[in-house]
Amino acid sequence: MVIAFIHGFCLALGLILPLGMQNVFVFQQGIAQPCFKSVLPAVIAAALCDTLLILLAVSGVSAVLLHFSLLRQVIWLVGIGMLLYIGWVNWTGKGVVAPGENPACFSARRQIAFAVSVSLLNPAAFLDILGVIGVSSMQYETAAKWCFSLAAILVSWGWFCMLAVFGGRISSMGELNRHQKRINKISALAVWGSAAYMLAAFF
């Protein structure tokens, strides 16, 4: 179970580090809002959406593939291929292009609506969570699988909180952009490590 937790933690961290729409929005609200408490609606909404997708991925993918051995192996290999590709994209990626240096300060209701939309209506989120985390969880039995899931969920909640806090401590998206290339490299290594672990488990 410890190995499953570490695997889930590293994989989720590798997938969440690159700044997509969800991360950028939470970070922008961290910049715009007067205090951390004011950005909590965006943080909680984004984290809850990730939690829902992770739980659906881990339980749903496993349930569908439980009795289909050949399909399970094919999807496992596809998942490894996706991890290798995501790692390459992250390794070669640059910083995000900021939509503005002075992001708008959203109300709590608007924060929730926007965070839910960029979380659940984002194809990349489904690819990462359903296609990668769900498939990666297939190698574990019940107890270890839920340790894997818990680690991924903790990464999501912790990361969004950190983004909001970090956003509150700097003045613009430009400062985060300067660190993004290094963040992407770390992400790529974490994702490739997960791919290697899955490949070793496959054989």
Protein backbone atom coordinates (compact mmCIF):
# COMPACT_ATOMS: atom_id res chain seq x y z
CA MET A 1 0.00 0.00 0.00
CA VAL A 2 2.93 2.33 0.63
CA ILE A 3 4.17 1.76 -2.92
CA ALA A 4 0.68 2.43 -4.27
CA PHE A 5 0.48 5.69 -2.28
CA ILE A 6 3.89 6.86 -3.53
CA HIS A 7 2.98 5.90 -7.09
CA GLY A 8 -0.32 7.80 -6.91
CA PHE A 9 1.38 10.81 -5.35
CA CYS A 10 4.17 11.03 -7.94
CA LEU A 11 1.87 10.39 -10.90
CA ALA A 12 -0.70 12.98 -9.79
CA LEU A 13 2.05 15.51 -9.09
CA GLY A 14 3.55 14.96 -12.54
CA LEU A 15 0.16 15.44 -14.20
CA ILE A 16 -0.93 18.50 -12.23
CA LEU A 17 2.29 20.55 -12.28
CA PRO A 18 2.02 21.92 -15.85
CA LEU A 19 -0.22 24.98 -15.88
CA GLY A 20 -3.45 24.24 -17.72
CA MET A 21 -6.63 26.32 -17.62
CA GLN A 22 -7.62 25.02 -14.19
CA ASN A 23 -4.30 25.86 -12.54
CA VAL A 24 -4.02 29.23 -14.25
CA PHE A 25 -7.48 30.25 -13.07
CA VAL A 26 -6.81 29.34 -9.42
CA PHE A 27 -3.47 31.13 -9.55
CA GLN A 28 -5.02 34.24 -11.11
CA GLN A 29 -7.64 34.40 -8.40
CA GLY A 30 -4.84 34.07 -5.84
CA ILE A 31 -3.33 37.22 -7.35
CA ALA A 32 -6.64 39.10 -7.63
CA GLN A 33 -8.31 38.24 -4.31
CA PRO A 34 -7.44 40.23 -1.16
CA CYS A 35 -6.73 37.13 0.99
CA PHE A 36 -6.55 33.34 0.87
CA LYS A 37 -10.05 33.01 2.35
CA SER A 38 -11.48 34.90 -0.62
CA VAL A 39 -10.03 32.45 -3.15
CA LEU A 40 -11.28 29.34 -1.29
CA PRO A 41 -14.38 28.96 -3.53
CA ALA A 42 -12.12 28.44 -6.57
CA VAL A 43 -9.74 26.14 -4.67
CA ILE A 44 -12.51 23.95 -3.21
CA ALA A 45 -14.49 23.77 -6.46
CA ALA A 46 -11.45 22.76 -8.51
CA ALA A 47 -10.28 20.20 -5.94
CA LEU A 48 -13.76 18.67 -5.58
CA CYS A 49 -14.03 18.29 -9.35
CA ASP A 50 -10.67 16.52 -9.45
CA THR A 51 -11.70 14.30 -6.54
CA LEU A 52 -14.89 13.31 -8.37
CA LEU A 53 -13.01 12.50 -11.58
CA ILE A 54 -10.35 10.50 -9.73
CA LEU A 55 -12.93 8.41 -7.89
CA LEU A 56 -14.88 7.80 -11.10
CA ALA A 57 -11.69 6.87 -12.94
CA VAL A 58 -10.40 4.45 -10.33
CA SER A 59 -13.72 2.71 -9.72
CA GLY A 60 -15.19 2.97 -13.21
CA VAL A 61 -12.21 1.92 -15.31
CA SER A 62 -11.50 -1.02 -13.02
CA ALA A 63 -15.11 -2.18 -13.04
CA VAL A 64 -15.34 -2.14 -16.83
CA LEU A 65 -12.03 -3.89 -17.40
CA LEU A 66 -12.18 -6.38 -14.53
CA HIS A 67 -13.37 -9.29 -16.69
CA PHE A 68 -11.67 -8.37 -19.98
CA SER A 69 -8.08 -9.55 -19.77
CA LEU A 70 -7.01 -8.72 -23.35
CA LEU A 71 -8.67 -5.29 -23.30
CA ARG A 72 -7.04 -4.63 -19.94
CA GLN A 73 -3.59 -5.32 -21.40
CA VAL A 74 -4.23 -3.17 -24.48
CA ILE A 75 -5.45 -0.22 -22.41
CA TRP A 76 -2.53 -0.67 -20.02
CA LEU A 77 -0.08 -0.30 -22.94
CA VAL A 78 -2.03 2.68 -24.27
CA GLY A 79 -1.79 4.27 -20.83
CA ILE A 80 1.98 3.78 -20.81
CA GLY A 81 2.16 5.39 -24.25
CA MET A 82 0.11 8.34 -23.04
CA LEU A 83 2.44 8.85 -20.09
CA LEU A 84 5.49 8.82 -22.35
CA TYR A 85 3.84 11.39 -24.64
CA ILE A 86 2.69 13.63 -21.77
CA GLY A 87 6.23 13.53 -20.37
CA TRP A 88 7.68 14.57 -23.72
CA VAL A 89 5.18 17.44 -24.06
CA ASN A 90 6.03 18.65 -20.55
CA TRP A 91 9.79 18.33 -21.08
CA THR A 92 9.71 20.38 -24.28
CA GLY A 93 7.08 22.85 -23.05
CA LYS A 94 7.66 26.46 -22.12
CA GLY A 95 5.90 28.75 -19.69
CA VAL A 96 2.25 29.61 -20.09
CA VAL A 97 1.22 32.72 -21.96
CA ALA A 98 -0.52 34.85 -19.38
CA PRO A 99 -3.91 36.23 -20.49
CA GLY A 100 -3.26 39.37 -18.48
CA GLU A 101 -1.03 40.87 -15.83
CA ASN A 102 -3.98 42.06 -13.74
CA PRO A 103 -6.58 39.26 -13.54
CA ALA A 104 -10.15 40.11 -12.60
CA CYS A 105 -11.39 39.54 -9.06
CA PHE A 106 -14.34 37.11 -9.32
CA SER A 107 -17.19 36.78 -6.84
CA ALA A 108 -17.49 33.46 -4.95
CA ARG A 109 -20.31 32.25 -7.20
CA ARG A 110 -18.41 33.15 -10.35
CA GLN A 111 -15.25 31.48 -9.03
CA ILE A 112 -17.16 28.23 -8.47
CA ALA A 113 -18.86 28.34 -11.88
CA PHE A 114 -15.62 29.04 -13.72
CA ALA A 115 -13.59 26.47 -11.76
CA VAL A 116 -16.20 23.77 -12.44
CA SER A 117 -16.31 24.62 -16.14
CA VAL A 118 -12.53 24.48 -16.66
CA SER A 119 -12.37 21.28 -14.61
CA LEU A 120 -15.24 19.23 -16.02
CA LEU A 121 -15.45 20.66 -19.55
CA ASN A 122 -11.72 20.31 -20.19
CA PRO A 123 -10.75 17.35 -22.44
CA ALA A 124 -7.22 17.39 -20.99
CA ALA A 125 -8.62 16.71 -17.51
CA PHE A 126 -10.47 13.65 -18.74
CA LEU A 127 -7.37 12.46 -20.59
CA ASP A 128 -5.14 12.86 -17.53
CA ILE A 129 -7.49 11.60 -14.85
CA LEU A 130 -9.70 9.05 -16.59
CA GLY A 131 -7.15 7.90 -19.15
CA VAL A 132 -3.96 7.92 -17.07
CA ILE A 133 -4.85 7.73 -13.37
CA GLY A 134 -7.70 5.29 -13.98
CA VAL A 135 -5.54 2.98 -16.09
CA SER A 136 -2.58 3.24 -13.70
CA SER A 137 -4.78 2.16 -10.78
CA MET A 138 -5.61 -1.14 -12.52
CA GLN A 139 -2.45 -2.81 -11.24
CA TYR A 140 -3.58 -2.58 -7.59
CA GLU A 141 -6.07 -4.56 -5.55
CA THR A 142 -8.80 -2.90 -3.47
CA ALA A 143 -6.88 -1.56 -0.43
CA ALA A 144 -3.80 -0.49 -2.41
CA LYS A 145 -6.03 1.03 -5.10
CA TRP A 146 -7.69 3.33 -2.60
CA CYS A 147 -4.29 4.34 -1.19
CA PHE A 148 -3.30 5.23 -4.76
CA SER A 149 -6.52 7.26 -5.13
CA LEU A 150 -6.06 9.01 -1.78
CA ALA A 151 -2.56 10.12 -2.75
CA ALA A 152 -3.80 11.56 -6.05
CA ILE A 153 -6.63 13.40 -4.28
CA LEU A 154 -4.27 14.85 -1.64
CA VAL A 155 -1.96 16.13 -4.37
CA SER A 156 -4.88 17.89 -6.04
CA TRP A 157 -6.08 19.64 -2.86
CA GLY A 158 -2.57 20.55 -1.75
CA TRP A 159 -1.56 21.89 -5.16
CA PHE A 160 -4.59 24.18 -5.56
CA CYS A 161 -4.05 25.56 -2.05
CA MET A 162 -0.38 26.21 -2.86
CA LEU A 163 -1.27 27.94 -6.13
CA ALA A 164 -3.71 30.24 -4.35
CA VAL A 165 -1.19 31.08 -1.61
CA PHE A 166 1.62 31.62 -4.12
CA GLY A 167 -0.65 33.82 -6.24
CA GLY A 168 -1.34 35.97 -3.20
CA ARG A 169 2.37 36.52 -2.66
CA ILE A 170 3.31 37.77 -6.11
CA SER A 171 2.05 40.56 -8.29
CA SER A 172 1.61 39.02 -11.75
CA MET A 173 1.51 35.87 -13.88
CA GLY A 174 4.91 36.81 -15.26
CA GLU A 175 6.74 35.70 -12.12
CA LEU A 176 5.22 32.22 -12.27
CA ASN A 177 6.00 32.05 -15.97
CA ARG A 178 9.71 32.42 -15.22
CA HIS A 179 9.62 29.22 -13.15
CA GLN A 180 7.35 27.23 -15.46
CA LYS A 181 10.04 25.63 -17.63
CA ARG A 182 11.72 24.14 -14.54
CA ILE A 183 8.34 22.96 -13.22
CA ASN A 184 7.63 21.26 -16.56
CA LYS A 185 10.93 19.36 -16.40
CA ILE A 186 10.10 18.03 -12.93
CA SER A 187 6.65 17.05 -14.18
CA ALA A 188 8.12 15.17 -17.14
CA LEU A 189 10.48 13.17 -14.91
CA ALA A 190 7.64 12.22 -12.55
CA VAL A 191 5.41 11.11 -15.42
CA TRP A 192 8.19 9.12 -17.11
CA GLY A 193 8.97 7.45 -13.79
CA SER A 194 5.34 6.36 -13.53
CA ALA A 195 5.47 5.02 -17.10
CA ALA A 196 8.58 2.98 -16.26
CA TYR A 197 6.90 1.59 -13.14
CA MET A 198 3.79 0.60 -15.12
CA LEU A 199 5.93 -0.99 -17.83
CA ALA A 200 7.84 -3.05 -15.27
CA ALA A 201 4.55 -4.17 -13.66
CA PHE A 202 3.15 -5.13 -17.08
CA PHE A 203 5.94 -7.61 -17.71
